[in-house]
Amino acid sequence: MSPIVLMNDPRVVGIPVRDCGEPLVDLRHLPFVDVDDRFADPEGAYAQLREGVSWRLARAARLLPEGLRLLVTEGYRPFDLQTKYFEEHRSPAPPEVAPHVAGAAVDITLRATNGAELDLGTPVNAHPAECDGACHADAGRISATARRNRRTLTAALATAGLVNYPGQWWHWSYGDRYWAFVTGAPHARYGALAT
């Protein structure tokens, strides 16, 4: 496995943000993606993403082979909820750096048009200790089917301009600090949204 640059890496945290002011879009009202409520919050933030990210998901959906659909499990995460997650996992990264609080990150998987979720090696949001590291994007200990499904997801999302956080095969983003780090952009397009 390749070394993972963490979101709290000073090279990521130090990237400036010039928020472009794009609004959040509720994905539940859009035809090109399915939204799962397993991580739903009462306000419905989980189903929202910045407009530019949702456009890229629309493009990725068109790139999928016939019979497959994108399944979003979580998008925007209000700051209070992100802080709670960081405290529960004792993360050293400041919550305001997390792409979810900017509406720039999406946790996503694949499903068949009949509704069956595809095998991608682990459940979405699997903890590395519980899955022996199989949640890493380049994990070697997954089935050939899971590897093929990950390649399909990666091809569509990367072609549409999103970047993967390699510690979590399901975590993709656009316009945040991590995206800027990976792509070499001079600044992030999206910063933490006020709640």
N, C-alpha and C. Protein backbone atom coordinates (compact mmCIF):
# COMPACT_ATOMS: atom_id res chain seq x y z
N MET A 1 0.83 -1.19 0.00
CA MET A 1 0.00 0.00 0.00
C MET A 1 0.88 1.25 0.00
N SER A 2 0.44 2.24 -0.73
CA SER A 2 1.14 3.51 -0.77
C SER A 2 0.89 4.27 0.53
N PRO A 3 1.86 5.10 0.96
CA PRO A 3 1.62 5.91 2.16
C PRO A 3 0.50 6.91 1.90
N ILE A 4 -0.32 7.11 2.90
CA ILE A 4 -1.48 8.00 2.77
C ILE A 4 -1.15 9.35 3.38
N VAL A 5 -1.37 10.40 2.63
CA VAL A 5 -1.26 11.76 3.17
C VAL A 5 -2.57 12.02 3.88
N LEU A 6 -2.49 12.26 5.17
CA LEU A 6 -3.69 12.46 5.99
C LEU A 6 -4.25 13.86 5.82
N MET A 7 -5.52 14.01 6.13
CA MET A 7 -6.17 15.32 6.00
C MET A 7 -5.60 16.35 6.96
N ASN A 8 -4.97 15.88 8.06
CA ASN A 8 -4.39 16.82 9.01
C ASN A 8 -2.93 17.12 8.70
N ASP A 9 -2.42 16.63 7.58
CA ASP A 9 -1.06 16.91 7.17
C ASP A 9 -0.92 18.43 6.98
N PRO A 10 0.15 19.03 7.48
CA PRO A 10 0.31 20.49 7.34
C PRO A 10 0.24 20.97 5.89
N ARG A 11 0.65 20.12 4.94
CA ARG A 11 0.57 20.50 3.52
C ARG A 11 -0.88 20.63 3.06
N VAL A 12 -1.79 19.91 3.70
CA VAL A 12 -3.21 19.99 3.37
C VAL A 12 -3.86 21.13 4.16
N VAL A 13 -3.63 21.13 5.47
CA VAL A 13 -4.23 22.14 6.35
C VAL A 13 -3.82 23.55 5.94
N GLY A 14 -2.60 23.71 5.43
CA GLY A 14 -2.09 25.03 5.06
C GLY A 14 -2.60 25.58 3.74
N ILE A 15 -3.38 24.82 3.01
CA ILE A 15 -3.90 25.30 1.73
C ILE A 15 -4.97 26.36 1.99
N PRO A 16 -4.85 27.52 1.36
CA PRO A 16 -5.85 28.56 1.58
C PRO A 16 -7.20 28.20 0.94
N VAL A 17 -8.24 28.78 1.49
CA VAL A 17 -9.60 28.57 0.98
C VAL A 17 -10.13 29.90 0.45
N ARG A 18 -10.64 29.85 -0.77
CA ARG A 18 -11.36 31.00 -1.35
C ARG A 18 -12.74 30.48 -1.72
N ASP A 19 -13.62 30.52 -0.76
CA ASP A 19 -14.94 29.93 -0.96
C ASP A 19 -15.69 30.67 -2.06
N CYS A 20 -16.18 29.92 -3.01
CA CYS A 20 -16.86 30.51 -4.16
C CYS A 20 -18.34 30.80 -3.89
N GLY A 21 -18.84 30.39 -2.74
CA GLY A 21 -20.21 30.71 -2.36
C GLY A 21 -21.29 29.86 -2.99
N GLU A 22 -20.90 28.76 -3.62
CA GLU A 22 -21.92 27.89 -4.21
C GLU A 22 -22.87 27.36 -3.15
N PRO A 23 -24.14 27.24 -3.49
CA PRO A 23 -25.11 26.70 -2.53
C PRO A 23 -25.03 25.18 -2.44
N LEU A 24 -25.65 24.67 -1.40
CA LEU A 24 -25.84 23.23 -1.27
C LEU A 24 -27.04 22.82 -2.12
N VAL A 25 -26.97 21.62 -2.67
CA VAL A 25 -28.06 21.07 -3.48
C VAL A 25 -28.50 19.78 -2.80
N ASP A 26 -29.81 19.57 -2.70
CA ASP A 26 -30.33 18.34 -2.10
C ASP A 26 -30.39 17.26 -3.16
N LEU A 27 -29.56 16.24 -2.99
CA LEU A 27 -29.46 15.17 -3.99
C LEU A 27 -30.71 14.32 -4.07
N ARG A 28 -31.56 14.36 -3.05
CA ARG A 28 -32.77 13.53 -3.07
C ARG A 28 -33.74 13.96 -4.15
N HIS A 29 -33.55 15.18 -4.69
CA HIS A 29 -34.45 15.69 -5.72
C HIS A 29 -33.86 15.55 -7.12
N LEU A 30 -32.73 14.86 -7.24
CA LEU A 30 -32.06 14.73 -8.52
C LEU A 30 -32.13 13.30 -9.02
N PRO A 31 -32.34 13.10 -10.33
CA PRO A 31 -32.58 11.76 -10.85
C PRO A 31 -31.35 10.89 -11.08
N PHE A 32 -30.17 11.45 -11.05
CA PHE A 32 -28.99 10.71 -11.48
C PHE A 32 -28.27 9.95 -10.37
N VAL A 33 -28.73 10.06 -9.16
CA VAL A 33 -28.06 9.43 -8.03
C VAL A 33 -29.10 8.95 -7.03
N ASP A 34 -28.80 7.85 -6.34
CA ASP A 34 -29.67 7.38 -5.26
C ASP A 34 -29.06 7.83 -3.94
N VAL A 35 -29.91 8.12 -2.98
CA VAL A 35 -29.44 8.56 -1.66
C VAL A 35 -29.97 7.59 -0.62
N ASP A 36 -29.06 7.05 0.16
CA ASP A 36 -29.36 6.09 1.21
C ASP A 36 -29.45 6.85 2.53
N ASP A 37 -30.33 6.45 3.41
CA ASP A 37 -30.51 7.20 4.66
C ASP A 37 -29.83 6.57 5.86
N ARG A 38 -28.86 5.67 5.67
CA ARG A 38 -28.21 5.00 6.82
C ARG A 38 -27.48 5.97 7.74
N PHE A 39 -27.03 7.13 7.22
CA PHE A 39 -26.36 8.12 8.05
C PHE A 39 -27.17 9.43 8.10
N ALA A 40 -28.47 9.30 7.92
CA ALA A 40 -29.34 10.48 7.87
C ALA A 40 -29.33 11.24 9.20
N ASP A 41 -29.37 12.54 9.08
CA ASP A 41 -29.55 13.41 10.23
C ASP A 41 -30.94 14.04 10.11
N PRO A 42 -31.52 14.51 11.21
CA PRO A 42 -32.89 15.02 11.16
C PRO A 42 -33.11 16.17 10.17
N GLU A 43 -32.08 16.99 9.93
CA GLU A 43 -32.23 18.13 9.03
C GLU A 43 -32.03 17.77 7.55
N GLY A 44 -31.56 16.57 7.28
CA GLY A 44 -31.34 16.16 5.89
C GLY A 44 -30.05 16.66 5.29
N ALA A 45 -29.12 17.11 6.12
CA ALA A 45 -27.83 17.61 5.61
C ALA A 45 -27.07 16.52 4.87
N TYR A 46 -27.20 15.27 5.33
CA TYR A 46 -26.46 14.15 4.74
C TYR A 46 -26.69 14.02 3.23
N ALA A 47 -27.81 14.52 2.74
CA ALA A 47 -28.18 14.38 1.32
C ALA A 47 -27.81 15.60 0.50
N GLN A 48 -27.03 16.52 1.07
CA GLN A 48 -26.70 17.75 0.37
C GLN A 48 -25.21 17.83 0.04
N LEU A 49 -24.92 18.46 -1.08
CA LEU A 49 -23.55 18.72 -1.53
C LEU A 49 -23.53 20.07 -2.23
N ARG A 50 -22.34 20.63 -2.34
CA ARG A 50 -22.21 21.86 -3.11
C ARG A 50 -22.62 21.58 -4.56
N GLU A 51 -23.13 22.61 -5.19
CA GLU A 51 -23.64 22.49 -6.55
C GLU A 51 -22.61 21.92 -7.51
N GLY A 52 -21.36 22.40 -7.43
CA GLY A 52 -20.32 21.92 -8.33
C GLY A 52 -19.99 20.44 -8.13
N VAL A 53 -20.10 19.97 -6.89
CA VAL A 53 -19.86 18.55 -6.62
C VAL A 53 -21.00 17.73 -7.21
N SER A 54 -22.23 18.22 -7.05
CA SER A 54 -23.37 17.48 -7.59
C SER A 54 -23.32 17.40 -9.12
N TRP A 55 -22.84 18.46 -9.78
CA TRP A 55 -22.69 18.40 -11.24
C TRP A 55 -21.71 17.29 -11.63
N ARG A 56 -20.65 17.18 -10.85
CA ARG A 56 -19.66 16.15 -11.14
C ARG A 56 -20.22 14.76 -10.89
N LEU A 57 -21.07 14.61 -9.91
CA LEU A 57 -21.72 13.32 -9.69
C LEU A 57 -22.63 12.98 -10.87
N ALA A 58 -23.29 13.99 -11.42
CA ALA A 58 -24.14 13.76 -12.59
C ALA A 58 -23.30 13.23 -13.76
N ARG A 59 -22.14 13.82 -13.94
CA ARG A 59 -21.25 13.34 -15.02
C ARG A 59 -20.79 11.92 -14.73
N ALA A 60 -20.39 11.65 -13.49
CA ALA A 60 -19.92 10.31 -13.12
C ALA A 60 -21.02 9.27 -13.34
N ALA A 61 -22.25 9.63 -13.02
CA ALA A 61 -23.37 8.70 -13.19
C ALA A 61 -23.53 8.31 -14.66
N ARG A 62 -23.33 9.25 -15.56
CA ARG A 62 -23.43 8.96 -17.00
C ARG A 62 -22.30 8.07 -17.49
N LEU A 63 -21.19 8.02 -16.76
CA LEU A 63 -20.04 7.22 -17.16
C LEU A 63 -20.11 5.78 -16.68
N LEU A 64 -21.05 5.48 -15.82
CA LEU A 64 -21.17 4.12 -15.29
C LEU A 64 -21.71 3.16 -16.34
N PRO A 65 -21.31 1.90 -16.27
CA PRO A 65 -21.90 0.91 -17.16
C PRO A 65 -23.40 0.80 -16.94
N GLU A 66 -24.11 0.42 -17.97
CA GLU A 66 -25.56 0.25 -17.86
C GLU A 66 -25.88 -0.74 -16.75
N GLY A 67 -26.91 -0.41 -15.98
CA GLY A 67 -27.32 -1.28 -14.89
C GLY A 67 -26.76 -0.90 -13.53
N LEU A 68 -25.87 0.12 -13.49
CA LEU A 68 -25.29 0.56 -12.23
C LEU A 68 -25.70 1.99 -11.91
N ARG A 69 -25.80 2.27 -10.62
CA ARG A 69 -26.13 3.62 -10.15
C ARG A 69 -25.22 4.00 -9.00
N LEU A 70 -24.99 5.30 -8.83
CA LEU A 70 -24.27 5.81 -7.68
C LEU A 70 -25.21 5.81 -6.48
N LEU A 71 -24.70 5.42 -5.33
CA LEU A 71 -25.47 5.43 -4.09
C LEU A 71 -24.72 6.27 -3.07
N VAL A 72 -25.27 7.44 -2.75
CA VAL A 72 -24.68 8.36 -1.78
C VAL A 72 -25.16 7.98 -0.39
N THR A 73 -24.20 7.83 0.54
CA THR A 73 -24.59 7.55 1.93
C THR A 73 -24.44 8.78 2.82
N GLU A 74 -23.55 9.70 2.45
CA GLU A 74 -23.43 10.93 3.24
C GLU A 74 -22.69 11.98 2.45
N GLY A 75 -23.21 13.20 2.52
CA GLY A 75 -22.58 14.35 1.89
C GLY A 75 -22.19 15.36 2.95
N TYR A 76 -22.90 16.49 2.96
CA TYR A 76 -22.61 17.56 3.91
C TYR A 76 -22.81 17.09 5.34
N ARG A 77 -21.89 17.50 6.19
CA ARG A 77 -21.96 17.17 7.61
C ARG A 77 -21.84 18.48 8.40
N PRO A 78 -22.89 18.88 9.12
CA PRO A 78 -22.79 20.11 9.91
C PRO A 78 -21.61 20.05 10.88
N PHE A 79 -21.07 21.21 11.19
CA PHE A 79 -19.86 21.30 12.02
C PHE A 79 -20.01 20.57 13.35
N ASP A 80 -21.15 20.71 14.01
CA ASP A 80 -21.35 20.04 15.30
C ASP A 80 -21.24 18.52 15.17
N LEU A 81 -21.81 17.97 14.11
CA LEU A 81 -21.74 16.53 13.90
C LEU A 81 -20.32 16.10 13.56
N GLN A 82 -19.62 16.89 12.75
CA GLN A 82 -18.22 16.57 12.42
C GLN A 82 -17.36 16.59 13.67
N THR A 83 -17.58 17.58 14.53
CA THR A 83 -16.83 17.67 15.78
C THR A 83 -17.07 16.43 16.63
N LYS A 84 -18.31 15.98 16.70
CA LYS A 84 -18.64 14.77 17.46
C LYS A 84 -17.89 13.57 16.90
N TYR A 85 -17.88 13.40 15.57
CA TYR A 85 -17.15 12.29 14.94
C TYR A 85 -15.66 12.36 15.26
N PHE A 86 -15.08 13.56 15.19
CA PHE A 86 -13.66 13.71 15.46
C PHE A 86 -13.34 13.36 16.91
N GLU A 87 -14.21 13.77 17.83
CA GLU A 87 -13.98 13.45 19.24
C GLU A 87 -14.12 11.95 19.50
N GLU A 88 -15.11 11.30 18.87
CA GLU A 88 -15.30 9.87 19.05
C GLU A 88 -14.11 9.07 18.54
N HIS A 89 -13.50 9.53 17.45
CA HIS A 89 -12.37 8.80 16.85
C HIS A 89 -11.02 9.36 17.28
N ARG A 90 -11.05 10.34 18.18
CA ARG A 90 -9.83 10.98 18.69
C ARG A 90 -8.91 11.43 17.55
N SER A 91 -9.52 12.05 16.57
CA SER A 91 -8.77 12.52 15.41
C SER A 91 -7.99 13.78 15.75
N PRO A 92 -6.72 13.85 15.31
CA PRO A 92 -5.94 15.06 15.56
C PRO A 92 -6.24 16.18 14.57
N ALA A 93 -7.01 15.89 13.53
CA ALA A 93 -7.30 16.91 12.52
C ALA A 93 -8.39 17.85 13.02
N PRO A 94 -8.25 19.13 12.76
CA PRO A 94 -9.30 20.07 13.16
C PRO A 94 -10.56 19.84 12.31
N PRO A 95 -11.74 19.81 12.94
CA PRO A 95 -12.97 19.54 12.18
C PRO A 95 -13.22 20.48 11.02
N GLU A 96 -12.77 21.73 11.12
CA GLU A 96 -13.03 22.68 10.03
C GLU A 96 -12.27 22.35 8.75
N VAL A 97 -11.30 21.46 8.81
CA VAL A 97 -10.55 21.04 7.63
C VAL A 97 -11.28 19.91 6.90
N ALA A 98 -12.14 19.20 7.59
CA ALA A 98 -12.83 18.05 7.00
C ALA A 98 -13.67 18.49 5.80
N PRO A 99 -13.55 17.79 4.68
CA PRO A 99 -14.29 18.17 3.47
C PRO A 99 -15.81 18.08 3.62
N HIS A 100 -16.29 17.21 4.51
CA HIS A 100 -17.74 17.09 4.67
C HIS A 100 -18.36 18.39 5.19
N VAL A 101 -17.66 19.14 6.06
CA VAL A 101 -18.23 20.38 6.60
C VAL A 101 -18.27 21.49 5.55
N ALA A 102 -17.59 21.27 4.44
CA ALA A 102 -17.62 22.23 3.34
C ALA A 102 -18.66 21.86 2.29
N GLY A 103 -19.32 20.71 2.47
CA GLY A 103 -20.25 20.24 1.45
C GLY A 103 -19.51 19.78 0.21
N ALA A 104 -18.22 19.46 0.37
CA ALA A 104 -17.36 19.11 -0.76
C ALA A 104 -17.07 17.62 -0.86
N ALA A 105 -17.45 16.85 0.15
CA ALA A 105 -17.13 15.42 0.17
C ALA A 105 -18.39 14.58 0.15
N VAL A 106 -18.24 13.41 -0.46
CA VAL A 106 -19.36 12.49 -0.54
C VAL A 106 -18.86 11.09 -0.22
N ASP A 107 -19.59 10.38 0.61
CA ASP A 107 -19.34 8.96 0.84
C ASP A 107 -20.29 8.23 -0.09
N ILE A 108 -19.72 7.37 -0.94
CA ILE A 108 -20.49 6.86 -2.07
C ILE A 108 -20.09 5.43 -2.40
N THR A 109 -21.04 4.69 -2.91
CA THR A 109 -20.80 3.32 -3.36
C THR A 109 -21.62 3.07 -4.62
N LEU A 110 -21.69 1.83 -5.02
CA LEU A 110 -22.44 1.46 -6.22
C LEU A 110 -23.58 0.52 -5.87
N ARG A 111 -24.65 0.64 -6.64
CA ARG A 111 -25.75 -0.32 -6.53
C ARG A 111 -26.25 -0.66 -7.93
N ALA A 112 -26.85 -1.82 -8.02
CA ALA A 112 -27.47 -2.21 -9.28
C ALA A 112 -28.82 -1.51 -9.39
N THR A 113 -29.34 -1.42 -10.59
CA THR A 113 -30.64 -0.76 -10.76
C THR A 113 -31.75 -1.51 -10.04
N ASN A 114 -31.54 -2.78 -9.69
CA ASN A 114 -32.55 -3.51 -8.91
C ASN A 114 -32.46 -3.19 -7.42
N GLY A 115 -31.51 -2.31 -7.03
CA GLY A 115 -31.39 -1.88 -5.65
C GLY A 115 -30.32 -2.59 -4.84
N ALA A 116 -29.75 -3.67 -5.36
CA ALA A 116 -28.73 -4.42 -4.63
C ALA A 116 -27.41 -3.66 -4.62
N GLU A 117 -26.86 -3.49 -3.42
CA GLU A 117 -25.58 -2.82 -3.28
C GLU A 117 -24.46 -3.76 -3.73
N LEU A 118 -23.51 -3.23 -4.49
CA LEU A 118 -22.41 -4.06 -4.99
C LEU A 118 -21.35 -4.28 -3.92
N ASP A 119 -20.60 -5.35 -4.06
CA ASP A 119 -19.50 -5.67 -3.16
C ASP A 119 -18.30 -4.81 -3.54
N LEU A 120 -17.87 -3.97 -2.60
CA LEU A 120 -16.66 -3.18 -2.79
C LEU A 120 -15.62 -3.52 -1.72
N GLY A 121 -15.77 -4.66 -1.10
CA GLY A 121 -14.76 -5.16 -0.17
C GLY A 121 -15.04 -4.93 1.29
N THR A 122 -15.66 -3.81 1.61
CA THR A 122 -16.06 -3.50 2.99
C THR A 122 -17.33 -2.67 2.92
N PRO A 123 -18.04 -2.57 4.03
CA PRO A 123 -19.15 -1.61 4.07
C PRO A 123 -18.60 -0.18 4.01
N VAL A 124 -19.43 0.74 3.58
CA VAL A 124 -19.08 2.15 3.65
C VAL A 124 -18.85 2.49 5.12
N ASN A 125 -17.81 3.28 5.38
CA ASN A 125 -17.43 3.74 6.72
C ASN A 125 -16.89 2.62 7.60
N ALA A 126 -16.38 1.56 7.01
CA ALA A 126 -15.74 0.50 7.80
C ALA A 126 -14.51 1.08 8.50
N HIS A 127 -14.26 0.63 9.71
CA HIS A 127 -13.10 1.08 10.46
C HIS A 127 -11.90 0.20 10.07
N PRO A 128 -10.73 0.80 9.84
CA PRO A 128 -9.57 0.01 9.40
C PRO A 128 -9.25 -1.18 10.30
N ALA A 129 -9.40 -1.02 11.60
CA ALA A 129 -9.08 -2.12 12.52
C ALA A 129 -10.08 -3.27 12.38
N GLU A 130 -11.30 -2.95 12.03
CA GLU A 130 -12.34 -3.98 11.91
C GLU A 130 -12.27 -4.74 10.58
N CYS A 131 -11.61 -4.16 9.58
CA CYS A 131 -11.58 -4.79 8.26
C CYS A 131 -10.17 -5.09 7.79
N ASP A 132 -9.22 -5.08 8.73
CA ASP A 132 -7.83 -5.40 8.42
C ASP A 132 -7.29 -4.54 7.26
N GLY A 133 -7.67 -3.28 7.27
CA GLY A 133 -7.18 -2.34 6.26
C GLY A 133 -7.82 -2.43 4.90
N ALA A 134 -8.84 -3.28 4.75
CA ALA A 134 -9.49 -3.44 3.44
C ALA A 134 -10.24 -2.18 3.00
N CYS A 135 -10.41 -1.22 3.90
CA CYS A 135 -11.08 0.03 3.53
C CYS A 135 -10.17 0.94 2.71
N HIS A 136 -8.86 0.68 2.73
CA HIS A 136 -7.94 1.49 1.94
C HIS A 136 -8.21 1.25 0.46
N ALA A 137 -8.16 2.32 -0.30
CA ALA A 137 -8.51 2.24 -1.72
C ALA A 137 -7.68 1.21 -2.48
N ASP A 138 -6.42 1.05 -2.10
CA ASP A 138 -5.57 0.10 -2.83
C ASP A 138 -5.32 -1.18 -2.03
N ALA A 139 -6.26 -1.53 -1.17
CA ALA A 139 -6.12 -2.74 -0.35
C ALA A 139 -5.95 -3.97 -1.23
N GLY A 140 -5.06 -4.84 -0.83
CA GLY A 140 -4.81 -6.04 -1.61
C GLY A 140 -5.67 -7.22 -1.22
N ARG A 141 -6.24 -7.19 -0.03
CA ARG A 141 -6.98 -8.34 0.48
C ARG A 141 -8.48 -8.23 0.25
N ILE A 142 -8.86 -7.97 -0.97
CA ILE A 142 -10.28 -7.96 -1.30
C ILE A 142 -10.49 -8.88 -2.50
N SER A 143 -11.71 -9.27 -2.72
CA SER A 143 -12.00 -10.20 -3.82
C SER A 143 -11.81 -9.53 -5.18
N ALA A 144 -11.69 -10.35 -6.19
CA ALA A 144 -11.57 -9.82 -7.55
C ALA A 144 -12.81 -9.02 -7.93
N THR A 145 -13.97 -9.46 -7.47
CA THR A 145 -15.22 -8.73 -7.75
C THR A 145 -15.19 -7.35 -7.10
N ALA A 146 -14.80 -7.29 -5.83
CA ALA A 146 -14.72 -6.01 -5.13
C ALA A 146 -13.71 -5.09 -5.81
N ARG A 147 -12.58 -5.63 -6.21
CA ARG A 147 -11.55 -4.83 -6.89
C ARG A 147 -12.10 -4.27 -8.21
N ARG A 148 -12.79 -5.09 -8.97
CA ARG A 148 -13.39 -4.65 -10.24
C ARG A 148 -14.43 -3.55 -9.97
N ASN A 149 -15.25 -3.72 -8.94
CA ASN A 149 -16.26 -2.70 -8.62
C ASN A 149 -15.62 -1.39 -8.18
N ARG A 150 -14.52 -1.48 -7.42
CA ARG A 150 -13.81 -0.27 -7.02
C ARG A 150 -13.23 0.43 -8.25
N ARG A 151 -12.71 -0.33 -9.18
CA ARG A 151 -12.17 0.28 -10.41
C ARG A 151 -13.28 0.99 -11.19
N THR A 152 -14.45 0.39 -11.24
CA THR A 152 -15.58 1.01 -11.95
C THR A 152 -15.97 2.33 -11.28
N LEU A 153 -16.08 2.32 -9.95
CA LEU A 153 -16.42 3.53 -9.20
C LEU A 153 -15.34 4.59 -9.39
N THR A 154 -14.10 4.19 -9.25
CA THR A 154 -12.98 5.11 -9.39
C THR A 154 -12.92 5.73 -10.78
N ALA A 155 -13.09 4.93 -11.80
CA ALA A 155 -13.03 5.45 -13.17
C ALA A 155 -14.07 6.53 -13.39
N ALA A 156 -15.29 6.31 -12.93
CA ALA A 156 -16.35 7.30 -13.14
C ALA A 156 -16.11 8.57 -12.34
N LEU A 157 -15.78 8.43 -11.06
CA LEU A 157 -15.63 9.61 -10.21
C LEU A 157 -14.37 10.41 -10.55
N ALA A 158 -13.26 9.73 -10.80
CA ALA A 158 -12.03 10.44 -11.15
C ALA A 158 -12.16 11.15 -12.50
N THR A 159 -12.80 10.52 -13.46
CA THR A 159 -13.00 11.15 -14.76
C THR A 159 -13.86 12.40 -14.62
N ALA A 160 -14.78 12.38 -13.66
CA ALA A 160 -15.65 13.54 -13.42
C ALA A 160 -14.97 14.63 -12.59
N GLY A 161 -13.73 14.40 -12.14
CA GLY A 161 -12.98 15.44 -11.46
C GLY A 161 -12.90 15.33 -9.95
N LEU A 162 -13.44 14.27 -9.36
CA LEU A 162 -13.34 14.10 -7.92
C LEU A 162 -12.06 13.35 -7.57
N VAL A 163 -11.60 13.52 -6.33
CA VAL A 163 -10.42 12.81 -5.84
C VAL A 163 -10.82 11.94 -4.66
N ASN A 164 -10.09 10.85 -4.52
CA ASN A 164 -10.35 9.91 -3.44
C ASN A 164 -9.39 10.16 -2.28
N TYR A 165 -9.91 10.02 -1.07
CA TYR A 165 -9.07 9.98 0.12
C TYR A 165 -8.68 8.51 0.28
N PRO A 166 -7.41 8.15 0.04
CA PRO A 166 -7.03 6.75 -0.11
C PRO A 166 -7.20 5.87 1.12
N GLY A 167 -7.46 6.43 2.26
CA GLY A 167 -7.72 5.61 3.45
C GLY A 167 -9.14 5.08 3.49
N GLN A 168 -10.00 5.59 2.59
CA GLN A 168 -11.41 5.21 2.56
C GLN A 168 -11.86 5.14 1.10
N TRP A 169 -12.05 3.96 0.58
CA TRP A 169 -12.42 3.83 -0.84
C TRP A 169 -13.69 4.58 -1.18
N TRP A 170 -14.57 4.81 -0.22
CA TRP A 170 -15.87 5.42 -0.46
C TRP A 170 -15.85 6.95 -0.39
N HIS A 171 -14.76 7.55 0.08
CA HIS A 171 -14.72 9.00 0.33
C HIS A 171 -14.11 9.73 -0.87
N TRP A 172 -14.93 10.56 -1.51
CA TRP A 172 -14.52 11.32 -2.69
C TRP A 172 -14.86 12.79 -2.47
N SER A 173 -14.07 13.67 -3.06
CA SER A 173 -14.34 15.10 -2.87
C SER A 173 -13.91 15.91 -4.08
N TYR A 174 -14.40 17.13 -4.08
CA TYR A 174 -14.04 18.09 -5.10
C TYR A 174 -14.07 19.47 -4.47
N GLY A 175 -13.05 20.28 -4.72
CA GLY A 175 -13.05 21.68 -4.31
C GLY A 175 -12.57 21.95 -2.90
N ASP A 176 -12.29 20.93 -2.10
CA ASP A 176 -11.83 21.11 -0.73
C ASP A 176 -10.31 21.17 -0.68
N ARG A 177 -9.74 21.29 0.51
CA ARG A 177 -8.29 21.36 0.65
C ARG A 177 -7.61 20.08 0.15
N TYR A 178 -8.18 18.93 0.45
CA TYR A 178 -7.54 17.68 0.03
C TYR A 178 -7.53 17.59 -1.50
N TRP A 179 -8.61 17.97 -2.12
CA TRP A 179 -8.68 18.02 -3.58
C TRP A 179 -7.59 18.95 -4.12
N ALA A 180 -7.45 20.13 -3.50
CA ALA A 180 -6.43 21.09 -3.94
C ALA A 180 -5.03 20.49 -3.79
N PHE A 181 -4.80 19.78 -2.70
CA PHE A 181 -3.50 19.14 -2.48
C PHE A 181 -3.21 18.11 -3.57
N VAL A 182 -4.18 17.25 -3.85
CA VAL A 182 -3.99 16.18 -4.83
C VAL A 182 -3.82 16.73 -6.24
N THR A 183 -4.60 17.74 -6.59
CA THR A 183 -4.58 18.26 -7.96
C THR A 183 -3.56 19.38 -8.19
N GLY A 184 -3.01 19.92 -7.10
CA GLY A 184 -2.07 21.02 -7.23
C GLY A 184 -2.74 22.37 -7.40
N ALA A 185 -4.04 22.45 -7.13
CA ALA A 185 -4.74 23.74 -7.23
C ALA A 185 -4.17 24.71 -6.18
N PRO A 186 -4.12 26.01 -6.47
CA PRO A 186 -3.52 26.96 -5.54
C PRO A 186 -4.36 27.22 -4.28
N HIS A 187 -5.65 26.90 -4.35
CA HIS A 187 -6.51 27.11 -3.20
C HIS A 187 -7.74 26.20 -3.32
N ALA A 188 -8.40 26.02 -2.19
CA ALA A 188 -9.65 25.27 -2.17
C ALA A 188 -10.79 26.18 -2.60
N ARG A 189 -11.79 25.62 -3.25
CA ARG A 189 -12.97 26.39 -3.68
C ARG A 189 -14.04 26.44 -2.59
N TYR A 190 -14.00 25.48 -1.68
CA TYR A 190 -15.05 25.37 -0.66
C TYR A 190 -14.42 25.27 0.73
N GLY A 191 -14.96 26.08 1.65
CA GLY A 191 -14.54 26.00 3.05
C GLY A 191 -15.72 25.60 3.91
N ALA A 192 -15.47 25.44 5.20
CA ALA A 192 -16.50 25.03 6.14
C ALA A 192 -17.69 25.99 6.06
N LEU A 193 -18.89 25.42 6.02
CA LEU A 193 -20.10 26.23 5.98
C LEU A 193 -20.55 26.57 7.39
N ALA A 194 -21.08 27.75 7.55
CA ALA A 194 -21.61 28.15 8.86
C ALA A 194 -22.90 27.38 9.10
N THR A 195 -23.10 26.97 10.34
CA THR A 195 -24.32 26.23 10.65
C THR A 195 -25.31 27.10 11.37
